[in-house]
Amino acid sequence: MSLYGPDITTDSFSQQTLSIAQMLIFNSHKRIRKSNRHAKSRETPSQMYLGIVIHCQTRKRGLIDKMYKLGLSVSYDRILSVSASLTNTLCKQYQEDGYVCPPSLRLGFFTTAVVDNINHTPSSTTAKDSFHGTEISLFEHVTTQMNGQHRLDFQLTNIQGGRVIESLPASYAVVKPVVLKTHVPVIPETDTTCKGCTDDLHEAVQNEYRWLETVSNSKENDIEERTLVSWGSLSCRT
């Protein structure tokens, strides 16, 4: 009715209507207040979502404060409190499980991982630091017979205030140094004997000789312009 006027034949709603209704709930008060404060019990998903999106995209407090004064977003301190509460919930779950795993992954799926190095060495003359890390990508193989089970279910109503961040499991956060205490490494004894595969070695040597003969013949005889005589091309053929 706020957008299109009274109409008894229409009982549906649009996202615009829902956003206006949530903004009215968020900015309404029981009595007149001198300060611009909002109760947690009257926080709506639209204002919380808009504040979190702006914080994730820009990290600018001034922009969030302007949206808060306009009544379009929650305060910057509230966003930090929600972020800390979500982080603490995840860290506690990681500590109970004994490992670190994204909450979006489901139970029951066959999952594969891809690991890659991240090396950022800035070449600027004003750069003071570099970054080295490891990137891990997880892929869930979904099937029609298995939909998976949710691992965690977050509820904004259960989020408490506070900005203290819980620590991650020591097995994940602490990387022990790996060094050799001596220049002479200790080789453990074994009950089996190591035997070389002489047949494969003999065949590899014969392939090298065949390549040498091909190169030698190419110098004596005229060959076509696009004929490949390099070691790599001949090795791929064999």
Protein backbone atom coordinates (compact mmCIF):
# COMPACT_ATOMS: atom_id res chain seq x y z
CA MET A 1 0.00 0.00 0.00
CA SER A 2 2.92 2.34 0.64
CA LEU A 3 4.13 1.98 -2.95
CA TYR A 4 1.10 1.14 -5.09
CA GLY A 5 -1.84 2.34 -3.02
CA PRO A 6 -4.68 0.25 -1.49
CA ASP A 7 -5.61 -2.84 -3.47
CA ILE A 8 -7.54 -5.70 -1.87
CA THR A 9 -6.97 -7.99 -4.86
CA THR A 10 -3.20 -8.07 -4.39
CA ASP A 11 -1.89 -10.05 -1.43
CA SER A 12 1.76 -10.44 -2.53
CA PHE A 13 4.73 -8.26 -1.60
CA SER A 14 7.92 -7.13 -3.30
CA GLN A 15 11.46 -6.71 -2.04
CA GLN A 16 11.04 -2.92 -2.13
CA THR A 17 8.02 -3.14 0.16
CA LEU A 18 9.85 -5.47 2.53
CA SER A 19 12.86 -3.12 2.69
CA ILE A 20 10.64 -0.14 3.53
CA ALA A 21 8.86 -2.12 6.27
CA GLN A 22 12.16 -3.23 7.80
CA MET A 23 13.52 0.33 7.70
CA LEU A 24 10.42 1.59 9.56
CA ILE A 25 10.84 -1.08 12.22
CA PHE A 26 14.56 -0.34 12.59
CA ASN A 27 14.08 3.43 13.02
CA SER A 28 10.93 3.45 15.17
CA HIS A 29 11.13 4.09 18.95
CA LYS A 30 8.73 3.86 21.84
CA ARG A 31 9.60 7.37 22.99
CA ILE A 32 11.57 10.37 21.76
CA ARG A 33 15.34 10.01 22.17
CA LYS A 34 18.04 12.64 22.05
CA SER A 35 20.73 10.30 20.69
CA ASN A 36 20.60 8.22 17.55
CA ARG A 37 20.60 4.74 19.08
CA HIS A 38 18.88 1.55 18.00
CA ALA A 39 17.85 -1.45 20.09
CA LYS A 40 19.20 -4.86 19.16
CA SER A 41 15.71 -6.32 19.41
CA ARG A 42 14.58 -4.09 16.53
CA GLU A 43 17.47 -4.83 14.17
CA THR A 44 16.25 -6.03 10.78
CA PRO A 45 18.05 -8.16 8.16
CA SER A 46 18.21 -5.33 5.60
CA GLN A 47 20.14 -2.91 7.81
CA MET A 48 22.44 -5.63 9.12
CA TYR A 49 23.11 -6.97 5.63
CA LEU A 50 23.82 -3.53 4.15
CA GLY A 51 26.28 -2.68 6.92
CA ILE A 52 28.16 -5.97 6.62
CA VAL A 53 28.36 -5.68 2.81
CA ILE A 54 29.78 -2.14 2.98
CA HIS A 55 32.29 -3.21 5.62
CA CYS A 56 33.44 -6.22 3.58
CA GLN A 57 33.79 -4.20 0.38
CA THR A 58 35.34 -0.96 1.67
CA ARG A 59 36.44 -1.35 5.32
CA LYS A 60 35.61 2.35 5.73
CA ARG A 61 34.11 3.41 9.03
CA GLY A 62 33.11 6.86 7.77
CA LEU A 63 30.87 5.42 5.06
CA ILE A 64 29.15 3.07 7.50
CA ASP A 65 28.63 5.90 10.01
CA LYS A 66 26.93 7.99 7.31
CA MET A 67 24.60 5.12 6.43
CA TYR A 68 23.91 4.62 10.15
CA LYS A 69 22.93 8.28 10.63
CA LEU A 70 20.57 7.99 7.66
CA GLY A 71 18.93 4.97 9.30
CA LEU A 72 19.99 2.60 6.53
CA SER A 73 22.57 0.50 8.37
CA VAL A 74 23.61 -0.66 11.81
CA SER A 75 26.52 1.07 13.52
CA TYR A 76 30.17 0.30 12.85
CA ASP A 77 30.67 -0.99 16.40
CA ARG A 78 27.73 -3.35 15.99
CA ILE A 79 29.25 -4.75 12.80
CA LEU A 80 32.54 -5.42 14.58
CA SER A 81 30.65 -7.12 17.41
CA VAL A 82 28.76 -9.38 14.99
CA SER A 83 31.95 -10.19 13.10
CA ALA A 84 33.76 -11.10 16.32
CA SER A 85 30.84 -13.25 17.50
CA LEU A 86 30.73 -15.18 14.23
CA THR A 87 34.49 -15.67 14.34
CA ASN A 88 34.34 -16.92 17.94
CA THR A 89 31.58 -19.36 17.03
CA LEU A 90 33.71 -20.78 14.23
CA CYS A 91 36.84 -20.96 16.38
CA LYS A 92 34.99 -22.83 19.14
CA GLN A 93 33.67 -25.29 16.58
CA TYR A 94 37.19 -25.75 15.19
CA GLN A 95 38.49 -26.45 18.69
CA GLU A 96 35.77 -29.04 19.32
CA ASP A 97 36.41 -30.76 15.98
CA GLY A 98 40.19 -30.60 16.29
CA TYR A 99 40.62 -29.28 12.76
CA VAL A 100 39.81 -26.19 10.67
CA CYS A 101 37.14 -26.65 8.02
CA PRO A 102 34.92 -24.03 6.29
CA PRO A 103 31.36 -24.08 7.67
CA SER A 104 29.90 -24.04 4.15
CA LEU A 105 31.12 -27.60 3.50
CA ARG A 106 28.56 -30.33 4.02
CA LEU A 107 28.84 -33.80 5.46
CA GLY A 108 28.60 -36.84 3.21
CA PHE A 109 30.24 -35.45 0.05
CA PHE A 110 33.39 -36.77 -1.56
CA THR A 111 35.74 -33.78 -1.34
CA THR A 112 39.05 -33.12 -3.08
CA ALA A 113 41.59 -30.41 -2.31
CA VAL A 114 44.02 -28.38 -4.41
CA VAL A 115 47.02 -26.77 -2.70
CA ASP A 116 49.07 -23.96 -4.20
CA ASN A 117 51.71 -21.52 -2.94
CA ILE A 118 51.07 -17.78 -2.62
CA ASN A 119 54.24 -15.73 -3.01
CA HIS A 120 53.84 -11.96 -3.06
CA THR A 121 57.13 -10.12 -3.35
CA PRO A 122 56.48 -6.44 -4.07
CA SER A 123 58.94 -4.83 -6.45
CA SER A 124 58.13 -1.25 -5.49
CA THR A 125 60.91 0.83 -3.94
CA THR A 126 58.56 1.81 -1.08
CA ALA A 127 57.56 -1.79 -0.26
CA LYS A 128 58.58 -2.94 3.21
CA ASP A 129 57.28 -6.49 3.45
CA SER A 130 56.36 -9.55 1.42
CA PHE A 131 53.82 -12.30 1.88
CA HIS A 132 54.18 -16.05 1.57
CA GLY A 133 51.32 -18.43 2.19
CA THR A 134 49.44 -21.50 1.03
CA GLU A 135 46.13 -21.50 -0.80
CA ILE A 136 43.84 -24.49 -0.29
CA SER A 137 40.75 -24.94 -2.50
CA LEU A 138 38.17 -27.59 -1.60
CA PHE A 139 35.77 -29.08 -4.16
CA GLU A 140 32.65 -31.04 -3.20
CA HIS A 141 31.48 -33.65 -5.70
CA VAL A 142 27.70 -33.45 -5.51
CA THR A 143 25.56 -36.39 -6.63
CA THR A 144 21.84 -36.76 -7.23
CA GLN A 145 21.58 -39.40 -4.50
CA MET A 146 23.34 -37.36 -1.80
CA ASN A 147 22.45 -33.78 -0.86
CA GLY A 148 24.77 -33.59 2.13
CA GLN A 149 24.15 -32.41 5.68
CA HIS A 150 24.75 -28.94 7.10
CA ARG A 151 27.57 -28.79 9.63
CA LEU A 152 26.71 -25.50 11.36
CA ASP A 153 23.67 -23.26 11.58
CA PHE A 154 24.25 -19.63 12.57
CA GLN A 155 21.49 -17.58 14.13
CA LEU A 156 21.86 -13.81 14.52
CA THR A 157 19.65 -13.93 17.60
CA ASN A 158 22.24 -16.09 19.38
CA ILE A 159 25.13 -13.69 18.70
CA GLN A 160 26.40 -11.94 21.80
CA GLY A 161 28.43 -8.75 22.07
CA GLY A 162 32.18 -8.51 22.48
CA ARG A 163 35.25 -8.04 20.35
CA VAL A 164 37.65 -10.59 21.86
CA ILE A 165 38.64 -13.18 19.25
CA GLU A 166 39.10 -16.81 20.23
CA SER A 167 42.30 -18.54 19.19
CA LEU A 168 42.48 -21.16 16.46
CA PRO A 169 43.56 -24.73 17.23
CA ALA A 170 47.28 -24.97 17.88
CA SER A 171 47.63 -27.68 15.25
CA TYR A 172 46.46 -25.18 12.63
CA ALA A 173 47.86 -21.86 13.87
CA VAL A 174 51.31 -23.00 15.04
CA VAL A 175 53.73 -24.18 12.37
CA LYS A 176 56.75 -25.87 13.90
CA PRO A 177 60.10 -25.19 12.25
CA VAL A 178 61.64 -28.09 10.37
CA VAL A 179 65.44 -28.07 10.52
CA LEU A 180 68.23 -30.63 10.61
CA LYS A 181 70.24 -30.50 13.80
CA THR A 182 73.26 -32.03 12.10
CA HIS A 183 74.85 -31.82 8.69
CA VAL A 184 74.91 -35.62 8.45
CA PRO A 185 71.32 -36.91 8.29
CA VAL A 186 70.53 -40.23 9.93
CA ILE A 187 69.27 -42.75 7.38
CA PRO A 188 67.00 -45.36 8.99
CA GLU A 189 67.76 -49.01 8.46
CA THR A 190 65.45 -51.18 6.37
CA ASP A 191 64.95 -54.92 6.09
CA THR A 192 64.44 -54.87 2.32
CA THR A 193 67.01 -54.47 -0.40
CA CYS A 194 66.82 -51.81 -3.09
CA LYS A 195 66.96 -53.20 -6.60
CA GLY A 196 67.29 -51.05 -9.67
CA CYS A 197 65.18 -51.60 -12.76
CA THR A 198 67.91 -52.31 -15.31
CA ASP A 199 65.47 -52.99 -18.17
CA ASP A 200 63.97 -49.49 -18.02
CA LEU A 201 67.41 -47.94 -17.71
CA HIS A 202 68.69 -49.84 -20.75
CA GLU A 203 65.68 -48.74 -22.81
CA ALA A 204 66.17 -45.10 -21.76
CA VAL A 205 69.82 -45.22 -22.83
CA GLN A 206 68.85 -46.68 -26.20
CA ASN A 207 66.38 -43.81 -26.71
CA GLU A 208 69.15 -41.31 -26.05
CA TYR A 209 71.36 -42.98 -28.65
CA ARG A 210 68.52 -42.95 -31.19
CA TRP A 211 68.12 -39.21 -30.65
CA LEU A 212 71.85 -38.66 -31.20
CA GLU A 213 71.67 -40.63 -34.44
CA THR A 214 68.70 -38.53 -35.59
CA VAL A 215 70.57 -35.29 -34.94
CA SER A 216 73.67 -36.62 -36.69
CA ASN A 217 71.67 -37.69 -39.75
CA SER A 218 69.91 -34.32 -39.91
CA LYS A 219 73.26 -32.59 -40.40
CA GLU A 220 74.34 -34.89 -43.23
CA ASN A 221 71.02 -35.15 -45.07
CA ASP A 222 68.65 -32.41 -46.16
CA ILE A 223 65.52 -32.33 -44.01
CA GLU A 224 62.30 -30.35 -44.28
CA GLU A 225 62.02 -26.98 -42.59
CA ARG A 226 59.40 -28.00 -40.00
CA THR A 227 60.94 -31.35 -39.09
CA LEU A 228 61.34 -31.66 -35.31
CA VAL A 229 64.69 -33.04 -34.23
CA SER A 230 64.84 -31.71 -30.66
CA TRP A 231 65.14 -34.07 -27.73
CA GLY A 232 61.78 -33.00 -26.27
CA SER A 233 59.77 -33.65 -29.43
CA LEU A 234 61.30 -37.08 -29.99
CA SER A 235 60.81 -38.02 -26.34
CA CYS A 236 57.12 -37.17 -26.57
CA ARG A 237 56.76 -39.51 -29.54
CA THR A 238 58.41 -42.39 -27.76
